[in-house]
C-alpha atoms as a PDB file:
ATOM      1  CA  MET A   1     -71.761  11.074 -71.783  1.00  0.00           C
ATOM      2  CA  VAL A   2     -69.589   9.826 -68.939  1.00  0.00           C
ATOM      3  CA  LEU A   3     -69.353  11.680 -65.612  1.00  0.00           C
ATOM      4  CA  ILE A   4     -65.897  11.122 -64.181  1.00  0.00           C
ATOM      5  CA  SER A   5     -64.033  12.574 -61.186  1.00  0.00           C
ATOM      6  CA  GLY A   6     -60.578  14.083 -61.063  1.00  0.00           C
ATOM      7  CA  THR A   7     -60.772  17.633 -62.408  1.00  0.00           C
ATOM      8  CA  GLN A   8     -58.089  18.809 -59.954  1.00  0.00           C
ATOM      9  CA  GLY A   9     -55.540  16.359 -61.357  1.00  0.00           C
ATOM     10  CA  GLU A  10     -55.513  14.018 -58.353  1.00  0.00           C
ATOM     11  CA  PRO A  11     -52.896  11.352 -59.227  1.00  0.00           C
ATOM     12  CA  MET A  12     -55.125   8.294 -58.654  1.00  0.00           C
ATOM     13  CA  SER A  13     -58.427   9.830 -59.725  1.00  0.00           C
ATOM     14  CA  ALA A  14     -60.475   8.213 -62.468  1.00  0.00           C
ATOM     15  CA  LEU A  15     -59.740  10.995 -64.953  1.00  0.00           C
ATOM     16  CA  SER A  16     -55.987  10.868 -64.332  1.00  0.00           C
ATOM     17  CA  ARG A  17     -55.983   7.108 -64.917  1.00  0.00           C
ATOM     18  CA  ALA A  18     -58.153   7.366 -68.016  1.00  0.00           C
ATOM     19  CA  ALA A  19     -55.841  10.055 -69.404  1.00  0.00           C
ATOM     20  CA  VAL A  20     -52.950   7.569 -69.399  1.00  0.00           C
ATOM     21  CA  ASP A  21     -55.159   4.650 -70.541  1.00  0.00           C
ATOM     22  CA  ASN A  22     -54.960   2.959 -67.140  1.00  0.00           C
ATOM     23  CA  HIS A  23     -58.644   2.869 -66.200  1.00  0.00           C
ATOM     24  CA  LYS A  24     -60.572  -0.394 -66.073  1.00  0.00           C
ATOM     25  CA  HIS A  25     -63.643   0.966 -67.864  1.00  0.00           C
ATOM     26  CA  ALA A  26     -63.115   4.521 -69.154  1.00  0.00           C
ATOM     27  CA  ARG A  27     -61.206   5.020 -72.382  1.00  0.00           C
ATOM     28  CA  ILE A  28     -60.293   8.301 -74.074  1.00  0.00           C
ATOM     29  CA  ALA A  29     -60.321   7.963 -77.849  1.00  0.00           C
ATOM     30  CA  ALA A  30     -59.236  10.398 -80.557  1.00  0.00           C
ATOM     31  CA  GLY A  31     -61.975  12.950 -81.177  1.00  0.00           C
ATOM     32  CA  ASP A  32     -63.582  12.593 -77.731  1.00  0.00           C
ATOM     33  CA  THR A  33     -64.558  15.822 -76.008  1.00  0.00           C
ATOM     34  CA  VAL A  34     -63.472  16.161 -72.379  1.00  0.00           C
ATOM     35  CA  ILE A  35     -64.972  19.027 -70.373  1.00  0.00           C
ATOM     36  CA  LEU A  36     -63.342  19.924 -67.055  1.00  0.00           C
ATOM     37  CA  SER A  37     -66.305  21.504 -65.284  1.00  0.00           C
ATOM     38  CA  SER A  38     -64.231  23.103 -62.547  1.00  0.00           C
ATOM     39  CA  ARG A  39     -62.093  26.053 -61.632  1.00  0.00           C
ATOM     40  CA  VAL A  40     -58.347  25.655 -61.197  1.00  0.00           C
ATOM     41  CA  ILE A  41     -57.722  25.624 -57.448  1.00  0.00           C
ATOM     42  CA  PRO A  42     -54.481  27.549 -56.735  1.00  0.00           C
ATOM     43  CA  GLY A  43     -51.676  25.087 -56.073  1.00  0.00           C
ATOM     44  CA  ASN A  44     -53.141  22.385 -58.312  1.00  0.00           C
ATOM     45  CA  GLU A  45     -52.081  23.935 -61.621  1.00  0.00           C
ATOM     46  CA  LYS A  46     -49.217  21.534 -62.285  1.00  0.00           C
ATOM     47  CA  SER A  47     -51.316  18.401 -61.675  1.00  0.00           C
ATOM     48  CA  ILE A  48     -54.267  19.698 -63.699  1.00  0.00           C
ATOM     49  CA  PHE A  49     -52.219  20.704 -66.722  1.00  0.00           C
ATOM     50  CA  ARG A  50     -50.359  17.392 -66.575  1.00  0.00           C
ATOM     51  CA  VAL A  51     -53.693  15.585 -67.002  1.00  0.00           C
ATOM     52  CA  ILE A  52     -54.745  17.964 -69.793  1.00  0.00           C
ATOM     53  CA  ASP A  53     -51.456  17.267 -71.595  1.00  0.00           C
ATOM     54  CA  HIS A  54     -52.113  13.502 -71.388  1.00  0.00           C
ATOM     55  CA  LEU A  55     -55.639  14.008 -72.756  1.00  0.00           C
ATOM     56  CA  CYS A  56     -54.269  16.083 -75.647  1.00  0.00           C
ATOM     57  CA  ARG A  57     -51.759  13.347 -76.430  1.00  0.00           C
ATOM     58  CA  ARG A  58     -54.749  11.040 -76.937  1.00  0.00           C
ATOM     59  CA  ASP A  59     -56.142  13.575 -79.474  1.00  0.00           C
ATOM     60  CA  ALA A  60     -59.076  14.511 -77.252  1.00  0.00           C
ATOM     61  CA  ASP A  61     -60.727  17.934 -77.517  1.00  0.00           C
ATOM     62  CA  VAL A  62     -60.239  19.318 -74.006  1.00  0.00           C
ATOM     63  CA  ILE A  63     -62.387  22.223 -72.795  1.00  0.00           C
ATOM     64  CA  TYR A  64     -61.223  23.744 -69.531  1.00  0.00           C
ATOM     65  CA  ASP A  65     -61.023  27.047 -67.679  1.00  0.00           C
ATOM     66  CA  ASP A  66     -58.101  28.710 -69.447  1.00  0.00           C
ATOM     67  CA  GLY A  67     -59.150  32.223 -68.513  1.00  0.00           C
ATOM     68  CA  ALA A  68     -60.225  33.044 -72.061  1.00  0.00           C
ATOM     69  CA  SER A  69     -63.050  30.640 -72.889  1.00  0.00           C
ATOM     70  CA  GLY A  70     -65.493  32.050 -70.345  1.00  0.00           C
ATOM     71  CA  LEU A  71     -66.889  30.276 -67.311  1.00  0.00           C
ATOM     72  CA  ILE A  72     -67.354  26.538 -67.720  1.00  0.00           C
ATOM     73  CA  HIS A  73     -67.880  25.664 -64.088  1.00  0.00           C
ATOM     74  CA  VAL A  74     -71.201  26.323 -62.352  1.00  0.00           C
ATOM     75  CA  SER A  75     -70.855  26.708 -58.591  1.00  0.00           C
ATOM     76  CA  GLY A  76     -72.762  24.317 -56.352  1.00  0.00           C
ATOM     77  CA  HIS A  77     -72.957  26.953 -53.604  1.00  0.00           C
ATOM     78  CA  ALA A  78     -76.193  28.850 -53.038  1.00  0.00           C
ATOM     79  CA  SER A  79     -76.413  32.549 -53.834  1.00  0.00           C
ATOM     80  CA  GLN A  80     -77.650  35.025 -51.214  1.00  0.00           C
ATOM     81  CA  GLU A  81     -81.118  35.106 -52.759  1.00  0.00           C
ATOM     82  CA  GLU A  82     -81.298  31.311 -52.644  1.00  0.00           C
ATOM     83  CA  GLN A  83     -80.211  31.384 -49.005  1.00  0.00           C
ATOM     84  CA  ARG A  84     -82.957  33.885 -48.203  1.00  0.00           C
ATOM     85  CA  LEU A  85     -85.530  31.740 -50.005  1.00  0.00           C
ATOM     86  CA  MET A  86     -84.493  28.624 -48.048  1.00  0.00           C
ATOM     87  CA  ILE A  87     -84.689  30.432 -44.688  1.00  0.00           C
ATOM     88  CA  ASN A  88     -88.095  31.935 -45.504  1.00  0.00           C
ATOM     89  CA  LEU A  89     -89.417  28.508 -46.510  1.00  0.00           C
ATOM     90  CA  LEU A  90     -88.127  26.736 -43.387  1.00  0.00           C
ATOM     91  CA  ARG A  91     -88.534  29.618 -40.902  1.00  0.00           C
ATOM     92  CA  PRO A  92     -86.235  28.033 -38.259  1.00  0.00           C
ATOM     93  CA  LYS A  93     -86.228  29.121 -34.596  1.00  0.00           C
ATOM     94  CA  PHE A  94     -82.422  28.910 -34.368  1.00  0.00           C
ATOM     95  CA  PHE A  95     -79.937  29.218 -37.204  1.00  0.00           C
ATOM     96  CA  VAL A  96     -76.391  27.748 -37.239  1.00  0.00           C
ATOM     97  CA  PRO A  97     -74.489  28.288 -40.514  1.00  0.00           C
ATOM     98  CA  ILE A  98     -72.246  25.379 -41.482  1.00  0.00           C
ATOM     99  CA  HIS A  99     -69.352  25.109 -43.980  1.00  0.00           C
ATOM    100  CA  GLY A 100     -66.941  27.780 -45.093  1.00  0.00           C
ATOM    101  CA  ASP A 101     -64.438  30.112 -43.489  1.00  0.00           C
ATOM    102  CA  TYR A 102     -65.475  32.244 -40.526  1.00  0.00           C
ATOM    103  CA  ARG A 103     -66.230  35.241 -42.763  1.00  0.00           C
ATOM    104  CA  HIS A 104     -68.652  33.089 -44.777  1.00  0.00           C
ATOM    105  CA  LEU A 105     -70.385  31.787 -41.651  1.00  0.00           C
ATOM    106  CA  LYS A 106     -70.749  35.297 -40.238  1.00  0.00           C
ATOM    107  CA  LYS A 107     -72.181  36.661 -43.494  1.00  0.00           C
ATOM    108  CA  HIS A 108     -74.648  33.776 -43.715  1.00  0.00           C
ATOM    109  CA  ALA A 109     -75.784  34.414 -40.122  1.00  0.00           C
ATOM    110  CA  GLU A 110     -76.232  38.139 -40.872  1.00  0.00           C
ATOM    111  CA  ILE A 111     -78.420  37.303 -43.883  1.00  0.00           C
ATOM    112  CA  ALA A 112     -80.580  35.031 -41.721  1.00  0.00           C
ATOM    113  CA  GLN A 113     -80.986  37.652 -38.986  1.00  0.00           C
ATOM    114  CA  SER A 114     -81.824  40.376 -41.496  1.00  0.00           C
ATOM    115  CA  LEU A 115     -84.962  38.461 -42.528  1.00  0.00           C
ATOM    116  CA  GLY A 116     -86.464  38.703 -39.041  1.00  0.00           C
ATOM    117  CA  VAL A 117     -87.900  35.172 -39.107  1.00  0.00           C
ATOM    118  CA  ILE A 118     -85.474  33.537 -36.621  1.00  0.00           C
ATOM    119  CA  ASP A 119     -84.924  34.046 -32.892  1.00  0.00           C
ATOM    120  CA  LEU A 120     -81.148  33.529 -32.832  1.00  0.00           C
ATOM    121  CA  ALA A 121     -78.251  32.927 -35.247  1.00  0.00           C
ATOM    122  CA  VAL A 122     -75.175  31.295 -33.710  1.00  0.00           C
ATOM    123  CA  VAL A 123     -71.800  31.286 -35.484  1.00  0.00           C
ATOM    124  CA  MET A 124     -69.833  28.206 -34.378  1.00  0.00           C
ATOM    125  CA  GLU A 125     -66.196  27.216 -34.846  1.00  0.00           C
ATOM    126  CA  ASN A 126     -64.718  23.709 -34.803  1.00  0.00           C
ATOM    127  CA  GLY A 127     -64.742  22.229 -31.295  1.00  0.00           C
ATOM    128  CA  GLU A 128     -67.327  24.600 -29.797  1.00  0.00           C
ATOM    129  CA  ILE A 129     -70.264  22.994 -27.962  1.00  0.00           C
ATOM    130  CA  LEU A 130     -73.832  24.111 -28.692  1.00  0.00           C
ATOM    131  CA  GLU A 131     -76.602  23.215 -26.249  1.00  0.00           C
ATOM    132  CA  LEU A 132     -80.169  23.392 -27.480  1.00  0.00           C
ATOM    133  CA  ASP A 133     -83.499  23.278 -25.662  1.00  0.00           C
ATOM    134  CA  ARG A 134     -87.002  24.346 -26.608  1.00  0.00           C
ATOM    135  CA  ASP A 135     -86.402  28.028 -25.880  1.00  0.00           C
ATOM    136  CA  ASN A 136     -82.696  28.696 -26.225  1.00  0.00           C
ATOM    137  CA  ALA A 137     -79.428  27.880 -28.010  1.00  0.00           C
ATOM    138  CA  ARG A 138     -76.108  28.728 -26.384  1.00  0.00           C
ATOM    139  CA  LYS A 139     -72.397  27.965 -26.529  1.00  0.00           C
ATOM    140  CA  THR A 140     -71.285  26.073 -23.405  1.00  0.00           C
ATOM    141  CA  GLY A 141     -67.607  25.262 -23.948  1.00  0.00           C
ATOM    142  CA  LYS A 142     -65.080  23.627 -26.222  1.00  0.00           C
ATOM    143  CA  VAL A 143     -63.736  20.142 -26.890  1.00  0.00           C
ATOM    144  CA  THR A 144     -60.562  19.037 -28.626  1.00  0.00           C
ATOM    145  CA  ALA A 145     -61.187  18.890 -32.368  1.00  0.00           C
ATOM    146  CA  GLY A 146     -59.099  18.564 -35.510  1.00  0.00           C
ATOM    147  CA  ARG A 147     -57.339  15.973 -37.599  1.00  0.00           C
ATOM    148  CA  VAL A 148     -56.607  12.592 -36.044  1.00  0.00           C
ATOM    149  CA  CYS A 149     -53.819  10.542 -37.614  1.00  0.00           C
ATOM    150  CA  ILE A 150     -54.551   6.810 -37.859  1.00  0.00           C
ATOM    151  CA  ASP A 151     -51.604   4.416 -38.135  1.00  0.00           C
ATOM    152  CA  SER A 152     -52.982   1.308 -39.792  1.00  0.00           C
ATOM    153  CA  GLY A 153     -51.752  -1.967 -38.357  1.00  0.00           C
ATOM    154  CA  SER A 154     -50.360  -0.572 -35.088  1.00  0.00           C
ATOM    155  CA  ALA A 155     -51.470  -1.733 -31.646  1.00  0.00           C
ATOM    156  CA  THR A 156     -53.108   1.651 -31.000  1.00  0.00           C
ATOM    157  CA  ASP A 157     -54.555   3.192 -34.122  1.00  0.00           C
ATOM    158  CA  VAL A 158     -54.369   6.842 -33.031  1.00  0.00           C
ATOM    159  CA  VAL A 159     -50.871   8.310 -33.363  1.00  0.00           C
ATOM    160  CA  GLU A 160     -49.671  10.801 -30.755  1.00  0.00           C
ATOM    161  CA  ASP A 161     -48.509  14.294 -31.717  1.00  0.00           C
ATOM    162  CA  LEU A 162     -44.962  13.450 -30.614  1.00  0.00           C
ATOM    163  CA  VAL A 163     -44.780  10.593 -33.143  1.00  0.00           C
ATOM    164  CA  ILE A 164     -46.021  12.843 -35.943  1.00  0.00           C
ATOM    165  CA  ARG A 165     -43.494  15.531 -34.996  1.00  0.00           C
ATOM    166  CA  ASP A 166     -40.635  13.009 -34.998  1.00  0.00           C
ATOM    167  CA  ARG A 167     -41.694  11.626 -38.388  1.00  0.00           C
ATOM    168  CA  ARG A 168     -41.837  15.106 -39.881  1.00  0.00           C
ATOM    169  CA  HIS A 169     -38.459  15.870 -38.334  1.00  0.00           C
ATOM    170  CA  LEU A 170     -36.955  12.711 -39.836  1.00  0.00           C
ATOM    171  CA  SER A 171     -38.429  13.427 -43.270  1.00  0.00           C
ATOM    172  CA  GLU A 172     -36.943  16.932 -43.358  1.00  0.00           C
ATOM    173  CA  ASP A 173     -33.526  16.688 -41.677  1.00  0.00           C
ATOM    174  CA  GLY A 174     -32.778  12.982 -41.093  1.00  0.00           C
ATOM    175  CA  PHE A 175     -31.130  11.692 -37.938  1.00  0.00           C
ATOM    176  CA  VAL A 176     -27.708  11.325 -36.325  1.00  0.00           C
ATOM    177  CA  LEU A 177     -26.804   8.542 -33.877  1.00  0.00           C
ATOM    178  CA  PRO A 178     -23.768   9.184 -31.640  1.00  0.00           C
ATOM    179  CA  ILE A 179     -22.738   5.709 -30.397  1.00  0.00           C
ATOM    180  CA  LEU A 180     -20.640   5.364 -27.229  1.00  0.00           C
ATOM    181  CA  THR A 181     -19.033   2.157 -26.003  1.00  0.00           C
ATOM    182  CA  ILE A 182     -18.620   2.158 -22.219  1.00  0.00           C
ATOM    183  CA  ASN A 183     -17.014  -0.426 -19.977  1.00  0.00           C
ATOM    184  CA  LYS A 184     -19.725  -1.240 -17.436  1.00  0.00           C
ATOM    185  CA  LEU A 185     -17.125  -2.194 -14.790  1.00  0.00           C
ATOM    186  CA  SER A 186     -14.809   0.810 -15.007  1.00  0.00           C
ATOM    187  CA  GLY A 187     -17.256   3.318 -16.510  1.00  0.00           C
ATOM    188  CA  LYS A 188     -14.635   4.410 -19.033  1.00  0.00           C
ATOM    189  CA  VAL A 189     -15.232   5.003 -22.729  1.00  0.00           C
ATOM    190  CA  GLU A 190     -13.491   2.159 -24.537  1.00  0.00           C
ATOM    191  CA  ARG A 191     -13.064   3.772 -27.957  1.00  0.00           C
ATOM    192  CA  GLN A 192     -13.707   6.945 -29.912  1.00  0.00           C
ATOM    193  CA  PRO A 193     -17.413   7.759 -30.357  1.00  0.00           C
ATOM    194  CA  GLU A 194     -18.962   6.673 -33.641  1.00  0.00           C
ATOM    195  CA  LEU A 195     -21.523   8.723 -35.537  1.00  0.00           C
ATOM    196  CA  VAL A 196     -24.082   7.159 -37.854  1.00  0.00           C
ATOM    197  CA  SER A 197     -26.407   9.343 -39.927  1.00  0.00           C
ATOM    198  CA  ARG A 198     -29.271   8.691 -42.332  1.00  0.00           C
ATOM    199  CA  GLY A 199     -31.021  11.303 -44.446  1.00  0.00           C
ATOM    200  CA  PHE A 200     -28.631  13.988 -43.193  1.00  0.00           C
ATOM    201  CA  VAL A 201     -25.902  15.509 -45.323  1.00  0.00           C
ATOM    202  CA  GLY A 202     -23.459  17.949 -43.752  1.00  0.00           C
ATOM    203  CA  ALA A 203     -22.660  21.009 -45.838  1.00  0.00           C
ATOM    204  CA  GLU A 204     -19.134  21.401 -44.473  1.00  0.00           C
ATOM    205  CA  PRO A 205     -16.356  18.896 -45.241  1.00  0.00           C
ATOM    206  CA  GLY A 206     -15.124  17.268 -42.071  1.00  0.00           C
ATOM    207  CA  LEU A 207     -18.417  17.975 -40.294  1.00  0.00           C
ATOM    208  CA  MET A 208     -18.714  14.475 -38.855  1.00  0.00           C
ATOM    209  CA  GLU A 209     -15.127  14.592 -37.574  1.00  0.00           C
ATOM    210  CA  GLY A 210     -15.936  17.852 -35.839  1.00  0.00           C
ATOM    211  CA  ALA A 211     -19.127  16.342 -34.424  1.00  0.00           C
ATOM    212  CA  ARG A 212     -17.136  13.406 -33.085  1.00  0.00           C
ATOM    213  CA  ALA A 213     -14.772  15.868 -31.401  1.00  0.00           C
ATOM    214  CA  VAL A 214     -17.746  17.636 -29.807  1.00  0.00           C
ATOM    215  CA  VAL A 215     -18.999  14.349 -28.323  1.00  0.00           C
ATOM    216  CA  THR A 216     -15.508  13.564 -27.006  1.00  0.00           C
ATOM    217  CA  GLN A 217     -15.205  17.020 -25.466  1.00  0.00           C
ATOM    218  CA  THR A 218     -18.606  16.638 -23.801  1.00  0.00           C
ATOM    219  CA  LEU A 219     -17.493  13.347 -22.265  1.00  0.00           C
ATOM    220  CA  ASP A 220     -14.167  14.786 -21.104  1.00  0.00           C
ATOM    221  CA  SER A 221     -15.850  17.758 -19.442  1.00  0.00           C
ATOM    222  CA  SER A 222     -18.453  15.625 -17.650  1.00  0.00           C
ATOM    223  CA  SER A 223     -18.006  14.482 -14.070  1.00  0.00           C
ATOM    224  CA  ALA A 224     -17.894  10.821 -13.040  1.00  0.00           C
ATOM    225  CA  GLU A 225     -21.357  11.234 -11.533  1.00  0.00           C
ATOM    226  CA  GLU A 226     -22.766  12.529 -14.820  1.00  0.00           C
ATOM    227  CA  LYS A 227     -21.129   9.693 -16.751  1.00  0.00           C
ATOM    228  CA  ALA A 228     -22.677   7.162 -14.376  1.00  0.00           C
ATOM    229  CA  ASP A 229     -26.155   8.489 -15.192  1.00  0.00           C
ATOM    230  CA  TYR A 230     -26.740   7.501 -18.802  1.00  0.00           C
ATOM    231  CA  GLY A 231     -29.844   9.687 -19.073  1.00  0.00           C
ATOM    232  CA  VAL A 232     -27.881  12.799 -18.112  1.00  0.00           C
ATOM    233  CA  ILE A 233     -24.899  12.116 -20.361  1.00  0.00           C
ATOM    234  CA  LYS A 234     -27.160  11.338 -23.338  1.00  0.00           C
ATOM    235  CA  GLU A 235     -28.963  14.655 -22.902  1.00  0.00           C
ATOM    236  CA  LYS A 236     -25.675  16.591 -22.615  1.00  0.00           C
ATOM    237  CA  ILE A 237     -24.377  14.978 -25.811  1.00  0.00           C
ATOM    238  CA  ARG A 238     -27.645  15.649 -27.618  1.00  0.00           C
ATOM    239  CA  ILE A 239     -27.682  19.346 -26.665  1.00  0.00           C
ATOM    240  CA  ASP A 240     -24.007  19.979 -27.511  1.00  0.00           C
ATOM    241  CA  LEU A 241     -24.211  18.098 -30.808  1.00  0.00           C
ATOM    242  CA  LYS A 242     -27.450  19.824 -31.760  1.00  0.00           C
ATOM    243  CA  ARG A 243     -25.850  23.227 -31.139  1.00  0.00           C
ATOM    244  CA  TYR A 244     -22.769  22.311 -33.191  1.00  0.00           C
ATOM    245  CA  ILE A 245     -24.710  20.924 -36.184  1.00  0.00           C
ATOM    246  CA  GLN A 246     -27.199  23.767 -36.253  1.00  0.00           C
ATOM    247  CA  LYS A 247     -24.413  26.351 -36.126  1.00  0.00           C
ATOM    248  CA  ASN A 248     -22.499  24.750 -39.006  1.00  0.00           C
ATOM    249  CA  THR A 249     -25.333  23.597 -41.260  1.00  0.00           C
ATOM    250  CA  SER A 250     -28.511  25.431 -40.141  1.00  0.00           C
ATOM    251  CA  ARG A 251     -30.138  21.990 -40.055  1.00  0.00           C
ATOM    252  CA  ARG A 252     -31.729  20.220 -37.121  1.00  0.00           C
ATOM    253  CA  PRO A 253     -31.524  16.438 -37.526  1.00  0.00           C
ATOM    254  CA  LEU A 254     -33.031  14.179 -34.894  1.00  0.00           C
ATOM    255  CA  ILE A 255     -30.154  13.292 -32.521  1.00  0.00           C
ATOM    256  CA  MET A 256     -30.457  10.074 -30.507  1.00  0.00           C
ATOM    257  CA  PRO A 257     -27.342   9.123 -28.493  1.00  0.00           C
ATOM    258  CA  VAL A 258     -26.847   5.382 -27.985  1.00  0.00           C
ATOM    259  CA  ILE A 259     -24.743   3.877 -25.191  1.00  0.00           C
ATOM    260  CA  LEU A 260     -23.440   0.318 -25.531  1.00  0.00           C
ATOM    261  CA  GLU A 261     -22.141  -1.449 -22.437  1.00  0.00           C
ATOM    262  CA  ILE A 262     -19.384  -4.050 -22.739  1.00  0.00           C
END
């Protein structure tokens, strides 16, 4: 018998690789029995059944939770009676349930308190601070908690929320670069604005021509003082172009005006 991971169809798991004969050690041969000792987690159906299909192509006998064969998976979570037994054996002074959604934590704490062997049960959420001493346990505040994105190879490993938001924005709607060429001596725009886009496709024909007209109109309606302040004129172009694109396409690409001085 070989114990192997990957019952949720994870693409690079050992089972997924063995199912396509791409594992260094494990091989699935005709007549082998493969038991997926797990329940199908909602959302993973496609990946799981893809792996099962590959196993069937190798003439393996696959036993899995198909809703008709009865329960194959045995939960690793304790039942209420097992929880009561553990608490009675340990008889803790304070009890802090860990793991699960809030409703699970609260139910676990209620079970502990119902036994009458503990002084206090405290239900905690992520980020809450618990202070303990010999006689008491109490919540004393909160700290920032949650996922931290690490960008391997960068100067600072931790990525700011703004960077993550921009990356998500780029992945969904792409970006548009309005490029202006300005004479640094006269302050005048030397040629028609250019628009460069990546990952963004306009639904309406002639959208980019209309966008170029919007940028030109923004420049024409701006005062000399506004044109002299590149930060102000960039923001005006960004807002007007964003409004135009969103109105015509219902999309919100990342818009980053660029000013070139000649």
